[in-house]
PDB file of N, CA and C in Angstrom:
ATOM      1  N   MET A   1      68.241 160.594  42.052  1.00  0.00           N
ATOM      2  CA  MET A   1      68.992 159.432  42.172  1.00  0.00           C
ATOM      3  C   MET A   1      69.079 158.723  43.710  1.00  0.00           C
ATOM      4  N   GLU A   2      68.638 157.425  44.124  1.00  0.00           N
ATOM      5  CA  GLU A   2      68.570 157.110  45.409  1.00  0.00           C
ATOM      6  C   GLU A   2      70.301 156.309  45.600  1.00  0.00           C
ATOM      7  N   TYR A   3      70.845 156.743  46.771  1.00  0.00           N
ATOM      8  CA  TYR A   3      71.976 156.213  46.826  1.00  0.00           C
ATOM      9  C   TYR A   3      72.085 155.362  48.375  1.00  0.00           C
ATOM     10  N   LEU A   4      73.104 154.405  48.503  1.00  0.00           N
ATOM     11  CA  LEU A   4      72.880 153.465  49.684  1.00  0.00           C
ATOM     12  C   LEU A   4      74.348 153.634  50.030  1.00  0.00           C
ATOM     13  N   SER A   5      74.395 153.314  51.473  1.00  0.00           N
ATOM     14  CA  SER A   5      75.590 153.393  52.153  1.00  0.00           C
ATOM     15  C   SER A   5      76.589 152.282  52.021  1.00  0.00           C
ATOM     16  N   ILE A   6      77.583 152.133  52.462  1.00  0.00           N
ATOM     17  CA  ILE A   6      78.401 150.934  52.194  1.00  0.00           C
ATOM     18  C   ILE A   6      77.832 149.722  52.977  1.00  0.00           C
ATOM     19  N   LYS A   7      77.364 149.972  54.309  1.00  0.00           N
ATOM     20  CA  LYS A   7      76.881 148.734  55.102  1.00  0.00           C
ATOM     21  C   LYS A   7      75.633 148.245  54.256  1.00  0.00           C
ATOM     22  N   GLN A   8      74.602 149.281  53.690  1.00  0.00           N
ATOM     23  CA  GLN A   8      73.690 148.796  53.051  1.00  0.00           C
ATOM     24  C   GLN A   8      73.895 148.096  51.678  1.00  0.00           C
ATOM     25  N   THR A   9      74.752 148.337  50.973  1.00  0.00           N
ATOM     26  CA  THR A   9      75.340 147.652  49.928  1.00  0.00           C
ATOM     27  C   THR A   9      75.909 146.213  50.521  1.00  0.00           C
ATOM     28  N   SER A  10      76.600 146.129  51.292  1.00  0.00           N
ATOM     29  CA  SER A  10      77.288 144.923  51.867  1.00  0.00           C
ATOM     30  C   SER A  10      76.266 143.864  52.008  1.00  0.00           C
ATOM     31  N   GLU A  11      74.947 144.294  52.679  1.00  0.00           N
ATOM     32  CA  GLU A  11      74.063 143.216  52.993  1.00  0.00           C
ATOM     33  C   GLU A  11      73.411 143.061  51.803  1.00  0.00           C
ATOM     34  N   LYS A  12      73.213 143.902  50.666  1.00  0.00           N
ATOM     35  CA  LYS A  12      72.446 143.775  49.325  1.00  0.00           C
ATOM     36  C   LYS A  12      73.465 142.428  48.624  1.00  0.00           C
ATOM     37  N   TRP A  13      74.665 143.016  48.532  1.00  0.00           N
ATOM     38  CA  TRP A  13      75.390 141.962  47.628  1.00  0.00           C
ATOM     39  C   TRP A  13      76.016 140.948  48.550  1.00  0.00           C
ATOM     40  N   GLY A  14      76.103 140.737  49.742  1.00  0.00           N
ATOM     41  CA  GLY A  14      76.639 139.486  50.564  1.00  0.00           C
ATOM     42  C   GLY A  14      78.098 139.634  50.603  1.00  0.00           C
ATOM     43  N   ILE A  15      78.713 140.934  50.583  1.00  0.00           N
ATOM     44  CA  ILE A  15      80.268 140.984  51.026  1.00  0.00           C
ATOM     45  C   ILE A  15      80.272 141.851  51.847  1.00  0.00           C
ATOM     46  N   SER A  16      81.728 141.723  52.427  1.00  0.00           N
ATOM     47  CA  SER A  16      82.069 142.690  53.612  1.00  0.00           C
ATOM     48  C   SER A  16      82.008 143.871  53.243  1.00  0.00           C
ATOM     49  N   VAL A  17      81.945 144.800  54.467  1.00  0.00           N
ATOM     50  CA  VAL A  17      82.066 146.242  54.148  1.00  0.00           C
ATOM     51  C   VAL A  17      83.509 146.830  53.851  1.00  0.00           C
ATOM     52  N   ARG A  18      84.618 146.161  53.981  1.00  0.00           N
ATOM     53  CA  ARG A  18      85.860 146.433  53.908  1.00  0.00           C
ATOM     54  C   ARG A  18      85.918 146.248  52.407  1.00  0.00           C
ATOM     55  N   ARG A  19      85.484 145.222  51.938  1.00  0.00           N
ATOM     56  CA  ARG A  19      85.593 144.832  50.502  1.00  0.00           C
ATOM     57  C   ARG A  19      85.245 145.914  49.537  1.00  0.00           C
ATOM     58  N   ILE A  20      83.888 146.249  49.819  1.00  0.00           N
ATOM     59  CA  ILE A  20      83.223 147.324  49.175  1.00  0.00           C
ATOM     60  C   ILE A  20      84.051 148.485  49.200  1.00  0.00           C
ATOM     61  N   GLN A  21      84.709 148.867  50.343  1.00  0.00           N
ATOM     62  CA  GLN A  21      85.680 150.243  50.395  1.00  0.00           C
ATOM     63  C   GLN A  21      86.603 150.197  49.569  1.00  0.00           C
ATOM     64  N   VAL A  22      87.206 149.157  49.503  1.00  0.00           N
ATOM     65  CA  VAL A  22      88.230 148.681  48.587  1.00  0.00           C
ATOM     66  C   VAL A  22      87.746 148.950  46.904  1.00  0.00           C
ATOM     67  N   LEU A  23      86.536 148.444  46.604  1.00  0.00           N
ATOM     68  CA  LEU A  23      86.336 148.590  45.530  1.00  0.00           C
ATOM     69  C   LEU A  23      85.912 149.790  44.946  1.00  0.00           C
ATOM     70  N   CYS A  24      85.376 150.424  45.808  1.00  0.00           N
ATOM     71  CA  CYS A  24      85.146 152.071  45.581  1.00  0.00           C
ATOM     72  C   CYS A  24      86.475 152.715  45.566  1.00  0.00           C
ATOM     73  N   SER A  25      87.446 152.543  46.296  1.00  0.00           N
ATOM     74  CA  SER A  25      88.651 153.401  45.963  1.00  0.00           C
ATOM     75  C   SER A  25      89.530 153.050  44.885  1.00  0.00           C
ATOM     76  N   GLU A  26      89.251 151.886  44.343  1.00  0.00           N
ATOM     77  CA  GLU A  26      89.891 151.512  43.093  1.00  0.00           C
ATOM     78  C   GLU A  26      89.105 151.924  41.860  1.00  0.00           C
ATOM     79  N   GLY A  27      87.731 152.332  41.985  1.00  0.00           N
ATOM     80  CA  GLY A  27      86.867 153.026  41.268  1.00  0.00           C
ATOM     81  C   GLY A  27      86.243 151.936  40.386  1.00  0.00           C
ATOM     82  N   ARG A  28      85.908 150.810  41.128  1.00  0.00           N
ATOM     83  CA  ARG A  28      85.319 149.704  40.190  1.00  0.00           C
ATOM     84  C   ARG A  28      83.907 149.645  40.590  1.00  0.00           C
ATOM     85  N   ILE A  29      83.219 150.696  41.179  1.00  0.00           N
ATOM     86  CA  ILE A  29      81.566 150.739  41.321  1.00  0.00           C
ATOM     87  C   ILE A  29      81.515 151.955  40.733  1.00  0.00           C
ATOM     88  N   GLU A  30      80.603 151.650  39.517  1.00  0.00           N
ATOM     89  CA  GLU A  30      80.320 152.942  38.831  1.00  0.00           C
ATOM     90  C   GLU A  30      79.345 153.753  39.350  1.00  0.00           C
ATOM     91  N   GLY A  31      79.301 154.976  39.384  1.00  0.00           N
ATOM     92  CA  GLY A  31      78.682 156.091  40.243  1.00  0.00           C
ATOM     93  C   GLY A  31      78.890 156.154  41.439  1.00  0.00           C
ATOM     94  N   ALA A  32      80.061 155.621  42.154  1.00  0.00           N
ATOM     95  CA  ALA A  32      80.308 155.624  43.491  1.00  0.00           C
ATOM     96  C   ALA A  32      81.003 157.046  43.734  1.00  0.00           C
ATOM     97  N   THR A  33      80.262 157.697  45.032  1.00  0.00           N
ATOM     98  CA  THR A  33      80.762 159.215  45.260  1.00  0.00           C
ATOM     99  C   THR A  33      81.367 159.334  46.647  1.00  0.00           C
ATOM    100  N   LYS A  34      82.374 159.922  46.806  1.00  0.00           N
ATOM    101  CA  LYS A  34      82.910 159.947  48.134  1.00  0.00           C
ATOM    102  C   LYS A  34      82.285 161.412  48.747  1.00  0.00           C
ATOM    103  N   ILE A  35      81.727 161.381  49.592  1.00  0.00           N
ATOM    104  CA  ILE A  35      81.132 162.587  50.570  1.00  0.00           C
ATOM    105  C   ILE A  35      81.752 162.785  51.702  1.00  0.00           C
ATOM    106  N   GLY A  36      82.839 163.614  51.949  1.00  0.00           N
ATOM    107  CA  GLY A  36      83.583 163.635  53.165  1.00  0.00           C
ATOM    108  C   GLY A  36      84.281 162.303  53.312  1.00  0.00           C
ATOM    109  N   SER A  37      84.110 161.467  54.450  1.00  0.00           N
ATOM    110  CA  SER A  37      84.809 160.350  54.678  1.00  0.00           C
ATOM    111  C   SER A  37      83.947 159.133  54.358  1.00  0.00           C
ATOM    112  N   TYR A  38      82.591 159.368  53.846  1.00  0.00           N
ATOM    113  CA  TYR A  38      81.833 158.448  53.385  1.00  0.00           C
ATOM    114  C   TYR A  38      81.688 158.104  52.047  1.00  0.00           C
ATOM    115  N   TRP A  39      81.226 157.056  51.441  1.00  0.00           N
ATOM    116  CA  TRP A  39      80.906 156.652  50.189  1.00  0.00           C
ATOM    117  C   TRP A  39      79.282 156.432  49.982  1.00  0.00           C
ATOM    118  N   ALA A  40      78.911 157.097  48.602  1.00  0.00           N
ATOM    119  CA  ALA A  40      77.647 156.942  48.390  1.00  0.00           C
ATOM    120  C   ALA A  40      77.311 156.050  47.275  1.00  0.00           C
ATOM    121  N   ILE A  41      76.568 154.981  47.436  1.00  0.00           N
ATOM    122  CA  ILE A  41      76.799 154.109  46.108  1.00  0.00           C
ATOM    123  C   ILE A  41      75.386 154.271  45.683  1.00  0.00           C
ATOM    124  N   PRO A  42      75.060 154.218  44.235  1.00  0.00           N
ATOM    125  CA  PRO A  42      73.885 154.166  43.541  1.00  0.00           C
ATOM    126  C   PRO A  42      73.076 152.886  43.956  1.00  0.00           C
ATOM    127  N   ALA A  43      71.955 153.160  44.188  1.00  0.00           N
ATOM    128  CA  ALA A  43      71.173 151.914  44.488  1.00  0.00           C
ATOM    129  C   ALA A  43      70.942 151.193  43.238  1.00  0.00           C
ATOM    130  N   ASP A  44      70.954 151.507  42.152  1.00  0.00           N
ATOM    131  CA  ASP A  44      71.065 150.393  41.092  1.00  0.00           C
ATOM    132  C   ASP A  44      72.384 149.921  40.417  1.00  0.00           C
ATOM    133  N   ALA A  45      73.334 150.146  41.246  1.00  0.00           N
ATOM    134  CA  ALA A  45      75.057 149.882  40.899  1.00  0.00           C
ATOM    135  C   ALA A  45      74.925 148.396  40.793  1.00  0.00           C
ATOM    136  N   GLU A  46      75.666 147.797  39.720  1.00  0.00           N
ATOM    137  CA  GLU A  46      75.715 146.479  39.688  1.00  0.00           C
ATOM    138  C   GLU A  46      77.210 145.999  40.589  1.00  0.00           C
ATOM    139  N   LYS A  47      77.027 144.690  41.052  1.00  0.00           N
ATOM    140  CA  LYS A  47      78.234 144.279  41.743  1.00  0.00           C
ATOM    141  C   LYS A  47      79.408 143.980  40.842  1.00  0.00           C
ATOM    142  N   PRO A  48      80.510 144.514  41.164  1.00  0.00           N
ATOM    143  CA  PRO A  48      81.652 144.087  40.128  1.00  0.00           C
ATOM    144  C   PRO A  48      82.066 142.735  40.164  1.00  0.00           C
ATOM    145  N   SER A  49      82.615 142.158  39.233  1.00  0.00           N
ATOM    146  CA  SER A  49      83.339 140.535  39.086  1.00  0.00           C
ATOM    147  C   SER A  49      84.484 140.587  40.282  1.00  0.00           C
ATOM    148  N   ASP A  50      84.766 139.507  40.767  1.00  0.00           N
ATOM    149  CA  ASP A  50      85.584 139.299  41.815  1.00  0.00           C
ATOM    150  C   ASP A  50      86.937 139.256  40.637  1.00  0.00           C
ATOM    151  N   GLU A  51      87.904 140.124  40.609  1.00  0.00           N
ATOM    152  CA  GLU A  51      89.097 139.709  39.832  1.00  0.00           C
ATOM    153  C   GLU A  51      90.353 139.305  40.778  1.00  0.00           C
ATOM    154  N   ARG A  52      90.039 138.950  41.924  1.00  0.00           N
ATOM    155  CA  ARG A  52      91.255 138.498  42.723  1.00  0.00           C
ATOM    156  C   ARG A  52      91.749 136.983  42.401  1.00  0.00           C
ATOM    157  N   ILE A  53      92.852 136.781  42.326  1.00  0.00           N
ATOM    158  CA  ILE A  53      93.444 135.258  42.342  1.00  0.00           C
ATOM    159  C   ILE A  53      92.934 134.570  43.353  1.00  0.00           C
ATOM    160  N   LYS A  54      92.308 133.413  42.764  1.00  0.00           N
ATOM    161  CA  LYS A  54      91.783 132.650  43.550  1.00  0.00           C
ATOM    162  C   LYS A  54      92.696 130.922  43.719  1.00  0.00           C
ATOM    163  N   SER A  55      93.447 131.001  42.460  1.00  0.00           N
ATOM    164  CA  SER A  55      93.746 129.710  42.698  1.00  0.00           C
ATOM    165  C   SER A  55      95.278 129.387  43.770  1.00  0.00           C
ATOM    166  N   GLY A  56      95.846 130.662  44.313  1.00  0.00           N
ATOM    167  CA  GLY A  56      96.935 130.403  44.771  1.00  0.00           C
ATOM    168  C   GLY A  56      98.311 130.620  43.923  1.00  0.00           C
ATOM    169  N   LYS A  57      97.980 130.616  42.753  1.00  0.00           N
ATOM    170  CA  LYS A  57      99.398 130.908  41.943  1.00  0.00           C
ATOM    171  C   LYS A  57      99.497 132.275  41.758  1.00  0.00           C
ATOM    172  N   TYR A  58     100.767 132.727  41.288  1.00  0.00           N
ATOM    173  CA  TYR A  58     100.925 134.071  40.655  1.00  0.00           C
ATOM    174  C   TYR A  58     100.586 133.951  39.176  1.00  0.00           C
ATOM    175  N   ILE A  59     100.389 135.305  38.667  1.00  0.00           N
ATOM    176  CA  ILE A  59      99.854 135.508  37.254  1.00  0.00           C
ATOM    177  C   ILE A  59     101.197 135.165  36.543  1.00  0.00           C
ATOM    178  N   LYS A  60     102.251 135.723  36.700  1.00  0.00           N
ATOM    179  CA  LYS A  60     103.430 135.515  36.121  1.00  0.00           C
ATOM    180  C   LYS A  60     104.273 134.402  36.806  1.00  0.00           C
ATOM    181  N   ASP A  61     104.512 133.382  36.020  1.00  0.00           N
ATOM    182  CA  ASP A  61     105.601 132.550  36.249  1.00  0.00           C
ATOM    183  C   ASP A  61     106.979 133.037  36.451  1.00  0.00           C
ATOM    184  N   LYS A  62     107.921 132.459  37.394  1.00  0.00           N
ATOM    185  CA  LYS A  62     109.094 132.841  37.341  1.00  0.00           C
ATOM    186  C   LYS A  62     109.836 132.249  36.091  1.00  0.00           C
ATOM    187  N   GLN A  63     110.497 133.076  35.350  1.00  0.00           N
ATOM    188  CA  GLN A  63     111.283 132.506  34.220  1.00  0.00           C
ATOM    189  C   GLN A  63     112.823 132.419  34.445  1.00  0.00           C
ATOM    190  N   VAL A  64     113.060 131.229  34.269  1.00  0.00           N
ATOM    191  CA  VAL A  64     114.727 130.944  34.613  1.00  0.00           C
ATOM    192  C   VAL A  64     115.437 130.861  33.305  1.00  0.00           C
TER     193      VAL A  64
END
């Protein structure tokens, strides 16, 4: 199996290196493995969907 570095994956997917580090630590990239202090990401891994809140509103509304 061929693996890519975080930098190579960020160029491939068009997102930042830091965002990929977060996705790896959250376990959202299938097959990503930590080797020492580096992440190895399978070359055929799919980019996970962005589940961050974009509207600026909180998920839970404050109940009165």
